[in-house]
Amino acid sequence: MNVRTERASTRVARNIVSDIQERQLPPGAKLDSEHVMVEKQDASRATVREALRYLELQGALKMKAGPGGGPVVNVPGVDHLAGALSLQLQFANATLRTVLQARRSIYPVLVAEAAVHATAEDIDALRLSVVALAEAVEDPNLATREARRFFELVAAASKNLVLGFLVNALHYLSDNSGIEYDLSHRVASARQAEKILRAIEARAGYPVGQVIFDTRVIGQVM
């Protein structure tokens, strides 16, 4: 593929996504047919097909087969971001350790912003998660899932979409790491989650900059 075709297909892909957003099309909504896109985008059929393949790989649309088929709207999942990130990390020879370190670096910022932006509903969800995590400490797999779910709820409460997507992708990457945390670590993680919840409850409304340093108490998390 030449550079010109590649750039054209990227432009067409962005136009398609912009059209989806402007029209507020829900998942499952049918998009224009290929020949209509060729006319609307003033692009070749090969360019439009390349743009559609790219968006399908990114999870932004699905290709429906059969009569009346064609491209339909889809919502990319965290696995799409994790897949792209995984390739970049693999080419950079990054280790699982660097993934875990990145997660731990992001957590304090998410906690700080959650302390400012969390709603009553967010805090209620975090409270339920803390209870579930405390009850799961005897089960290594369940405890790990609950610990990650707790931080995904923190990410949602922070209202920081970029870091939220990133930490969820990092969780996805470490899902099959094979690491099993011992009981003492799982108990410590549950206690840590409770401390973080208390910090979010107590510091809600504080400027983010002040909270960040107060939440450096975050130690080892799963």
Protein backbone atom coordinates (compact mmCIF):
# COMPACT_ATOMS: atom_id res chain seq x y z
CA MET A 1 0.00 0.00 0.00
CA ASN A 2 1.37 3.41 -0.89
CA VAL A 3 1.56 6.32 1.55
CA ARG A 4 -1.08 8.35 -0.33
CA THR A 5 -3.71 5.58 -0.08
CA GLU A 6 -2.89 5.04 3.56
CA ARG A 7 -3.38 8.71 4.40
CA ALA A 8 -6.59 8.88 2.41
CA SER A 9 -8.04 5.86 4.21
CA THR A 10 -7.20 7.43 7.58
CA ARG A 11 -9.00 10.63 6.55
CA VAL A 12 -12.05 8.64 5.43
CA ALA A 13 -12.04 6.65 8.70
CA ARG A 14 -12.01 9.87 10.72
CA ASN A 15 -14.85 11.27 8.61
CA ILE A 16 -16.93 8.16 9.21
CA VAL A 17 -16.39 8.38 12.98
CA SER A 18 -17.22 12.11 12.94
CA ASP A 19 -20.44 11.33 11.07
CA ILE A 20 -21.36 8.69 13.68
CA GLN A 21 -20.79 11.21 16.48
CA GLU A 22 -22.62 14.08 14.80
CA ARG A 23 -25.64 11.92 14.04
CA GLN A 24 -25.41 10.31 17.50
CA LEU A 25 -25.84 6.87 16.01
CA PRO A 26 -26.25 4.10 18.61
CA PRO A 27 -24.49 0.71 18.47
CA GLY A 28 -26.11 -1.44 15.82
CA ALA A 29 -27.16 1.48 13.63
CA LYS A 30 -26.60 0.86 9.94
CA LEU A 31 -24.12 3.10 8.13
CA ASP A 32 -24.13 4.20 4.50
CA SER A 33 -23.40 1.52 1.95
CA GLU A 34 -19.94 1.31 0.45
CA HIS A 35 -20.91 2.93 -2.86
CA VAL A 36 -22.61 5.83 -1.04
CA MET A 37 -19.46 6.36 1.05
CA VAL A 38 -17.36 6.42 -2.14
CA GLU A 39 -19.47 9.33 -3.42
CA LYS A 40 -19.76 11.19 -0.10
CA GLN A 41 -16.07 10.87 0.76
CA ASP A 42 -14.91 11.57 -2.80
CA ALA A 43 -12.60 8.58 -2.46
CA SER A 44 -11.89 5.38 -4.35
CA ARG A 45 -13.60 2.12 -3.47
CA ALA A 46 -10.22 0.69 -2.34
CA THR A 47 -9.71 3.64 0.02
CA VAL A 48 -13.19 3.30 1.54
CA ARG A 49 -12.71 -0.45 2.01
CA GLU A 50 -9.38 0.14 3.72
CA ALA A 51 -11.00 2.72 6.04
CA LEU A 52 -13.80 0.27 6.89
CA ARG A 53 -11.31 -2.54 7.59
CA TYR A 54 -9.33 -0.24 9.87
CA LEU A 55 -12.44 0.81 11.82
CA GLU A 56 -13.53 -2.82 12.10
CA LEU A 57 -10.14 -3.77 13.55
CA GLN A 58 -10.44 -0.88 16.02
CA GLY A 59 -13.88 -2.09 17.11
CA ALA A 60 -15.66 1.08 15.89
CA LEU A 61 -17.90 -0.86 13.52
CA LYS A 62 -18.90 -4.36 12.51
CA MET A 63 -19.49 -5.72 9.02
CA LYS A 64 -22.88 -7.40 8.79
CA ALA A 65 -23.01 -10.18 6.22
CA GLY A 66 -25.85 -11.24 3.98
CA PRO A 67 -28.68 -9.36 2.21
CA GLY A 68 -29.10 -5.87 3.59
CA GLY A 69 -25.74 -6.17 5.32
CA GLY A 70 -22.89 -3.72 5.47
CA PRO A 71 -21.17 -1.62 8.14
CA VAL A 72 -22.97 -1.05 11.44
CA VAL A 73 -21.93 1.03 14.43
CA ASN A 74 -20.07 -0.65 17.28
CA VAL A 75 -18.38 0.60 20.46
CA PRO A 76 -14.66 -0.23 20.84
CA GLY A 77 -13.92 -2.24 23.98
CA VAL A 78 -10.94 -2.01 26.30
CA ASP A 79 -9.50 -5.07 24.54
CA HIS A 80 -8.96 -2.99 21.39
CA LEU A 81 -6.90 -0.39 23.28
CA ALA A 82 -5.09 -3.16 25.16
CA GLY A 83 -4.30 -4.94 21.90
CA ALA A 84 -2.70 -1.86 20.36
CA LEU A 85 -0.85 -1.09 23.58
CA SER A 86 0.36 -4.68 23.86
CA LEU A 87 1.96 -4.53 20.42
CA GLN A 88 3.75 -1.28 21.24
CA LEU A 89 5.04 -2.72 24.52
CA GLN A 90 6.16 -5.91 22.80
CA PHE A 91 8.18 -3.99 20.21
CA ALA A 92 9.69 -1.95 23.05
CA ASN A 93 10.61 -5.15 24.94
CA ALA A 94 8.60 -3.96 27.93
CA THR A 95 8.09 -6.43 30.78
CA LEU A 96 5.08 -7.23 32.93
CA ARG A 97 6.88 -5.37 35.70
CA THR A 98 6.71 -2.13 33.69
CA VAL A 99 2.97 -2.65 33.20
CA LEU A 100 2.46 -3.08 36.95
CA GLN A 101 4.61 -0.03 37.69
CA ALA A 102 2.59 2.05 35.23
CA ARG A 103 -0.63 1.02 36.96
CA ARG A 104 0.74 1.99 40.35
CA SER A 105 1.83 5.36 39.02
CA ILE A 106 -1.64 6.10 37.67
CA TYR A 107 -3.62 5.02 40.74
CA PRO A 108 -2.70 8.02 42.98
CA VAL A 109 -3.79 10.49 40.31
CA LEU A 110 -7.09 8.67 39.82
CA VAL A 111 -7.70 8.62 43.57
CA ALA A 112 -6.91 12.34 43.81
CA GLU A 113 -9.30 13.23 41.03
CA ALA A 114 -11.97 10.87 42.37
CA ALA A 115 -11.73 12.75 45.68
CA VAL A 116 -12.75 15.87 43.79
CA HIS A 117 -15.22 14.55 41.22
CA ALA A 118 -16.86 11.44 42.73
CA THR A 119 -20.66 11.57 42.89
CA ALA A 120 -22.78 10.01 45.63
CA GLU A 121 -23.47 7.11 43.25
CA ASP A 122 -19.74 6.62 42.65
CA ILE A 123 -19.04 6.49 46.38
CA ASP A 124 -21.89 4.03 46.95
CA ALA A 125 -20.40 1.76 44.27
CA LEU A 126 -16.94 2.03 45.87
CA ARG A 127 -18.37 1.11 49.27
CA LEU A 128 -19.97 -2.03 47.83
CA SER A 129 -16.69 -2.89 46.12
CA VAL A 130 -14.73 -2.51 49.37
CA VAL A 131 -17.12 -4.92 51.08
CA ALA A 132 -16.85 -7.41 48.21
CA LEU A 133 -13.06 -7.19 48.26
CA ALA A 134 -12.92 -7.84 52.00
CA GLU A 135 -15.14 -10.90 51.54
CA ALA A 136 -12.99 -12.21 48.67
CA VAL A 137 -9.59 -12.37 50.40
CA GLU A 138 -9.69 -16.17 50.79
CA ASP A 139 -10.03 -16.66 47.02
CA PRO A 140 -6.93 -15.49 45.06
CA ASN A 141 -8.66 -15.16 41.69
CA LEU A 142 -11.76 -13.47 43.04
CA ALA A 143 -9.70 -11.11 45.19
CA THR A 144 -7.62 -10.05 42.19
CA ARG A 145 -10.74 -9.40 40.11
CA GLU A 146 -12.36 -7.41 42.90
CA ALA A 147 -9.21 -5.34 43.48
CA ARG A 148 -9.05 -4.42 39.81
CA ARG A 149 -12.76 -3.69 39.75
CA PHE A 150 -12.29 -1.34 42.71
CA PHE A 151 -9.71 0.70 40.81
CA GLU A 152 -11.85 0.68 37.69
CA LEU A 153 -14.60 2.22 39.82
CA VAL A 154 -12.09 4.77 41.14
CA ALA A 155 -11.19 5.56 37.53
CA ALA A 156 -14.86 6.06 36.68
CA ALA A 157 -15.28 8.30 39.73
CA SER A 158 -12.28 10.40 38.69
CA LYS A 159 -14.08 11.41 35.45
CA ASN A 160 -10.67 11.28 33.76
CA LEU A 161 -11.58 9.38 30.61
CA VAL A 162 -8.05 9.08 29.25
CA LEU A 163 -6.46 7.65 32.40
CA GLY A 164 -9.57 5.56 32.98
CA PHE A 165 -9.24 3.88 29.59
CA LEU A 166 -5.51 3.44 30.13
CA VAL A 167 -5.71 1.80 33.56
CA ASN A 168 -8.46 -0.55 32.33
CA ALA A 169 -6.26 -1.52 29.38
CA LEU A 170 -3.31 -2.14 31.72
CA HIS A 171 -5.55 -4.36 33.85
CA TYR A 172 -6.52 -6.27 30.72
CA LEU A 173 -2.86 -6.76 29.79
CA SER A 174 -2.02 -8.25 33.19
CA ASP A 175 -5.08 -10.54 33.34
CA ASN A 176 -3.14 -13.59 32.13
CA SER A 177 0.09 -12.85 33.98
CA GLY A 178 -0.18 -15.99 36.11
CA ILE A 179 0.69 -14.01 39.26
CA GLU A 180 -1.07 -15.24 42.39
CA TYR A 181 -0.94 -12.99 45.44
CA ASP A 182 -0.62 -14.58 48.87
CA LEU A 183 -3.17 -14.12 51.66
CA SER A 184 -1.24 -11.39 53.45
CA HIS A 185 -1.05 -9.37 50.24
CA ARG A 186 -4.77 -9.84 49.57
CA VAL A 187 -5.66 -8.71 53.09
CA ALA A 188 -3.37 -5.68 52.72
CA SER A 189 -5.00 -4.83 49.39
CA ALA A 190 -8.48 -4.95 50.96
CA ARG A 191 -7.36 -2.67 53.78
CA GLN A 192 -5.74 -0.35 51.27
CA ALA A 193 -8.98 -0.09 49.33
CA GLU A 194 -10.82 0.86 52.51
CA LYS A 195 -8.26 3.59 53.24
CA ILE A 196 -8.60 4.92 49.71
CA LEU A 197 -12.39 4.98 50.05
CA ARG A 198 -12.07 6.94 53.31
CA ALA A 199 -9.69 9.39 51.60
CA ILE A 200 -12.15 9.94 48.75
CA GLU A 201 -15.03 10.41 51.17
CA ALA A 202 -13.12 12.80 53.44
CA ARG A 203 -11.34 14.90 50.79
CA ALA A 204 -14.15 15.34 48.27
CA GLY A 205 -14.04 18.91 47.07
CA TYR A 206 -10.35 19.51 47.77
CA PRO A 207 -8.18 20.84 44.93
CA VAL A 208 -6.62 17.97 43.00
CA GLY A 209 -3.05 19.15 43.65
CA GLN A 210 -3.50 18.91 47.41
CA VAL A 211 -5.05 15.46 47.31
CA ILE A 212 -2.40 13.87 45.06
CA PHE A 213 0.31 14.03 47.69
CA ASP A 214 -2.03 12.88 50.47
CA THR A 215 -2.90 9.74 48.51
CA ARG A 216 0.69 8.58 48.05
CA VAL A 217 -0.15 6.10 50.83
CA ILE A 218 -1.11 3.74 48.02
CA GLY A 219 1.29 0.85 48.34
CA GLN A 220 1.10 -2.55 46.72
CA VAL A 221 -2.08 -3.18 44.83
CA MET A 222 -3.12 -6.12 42.69
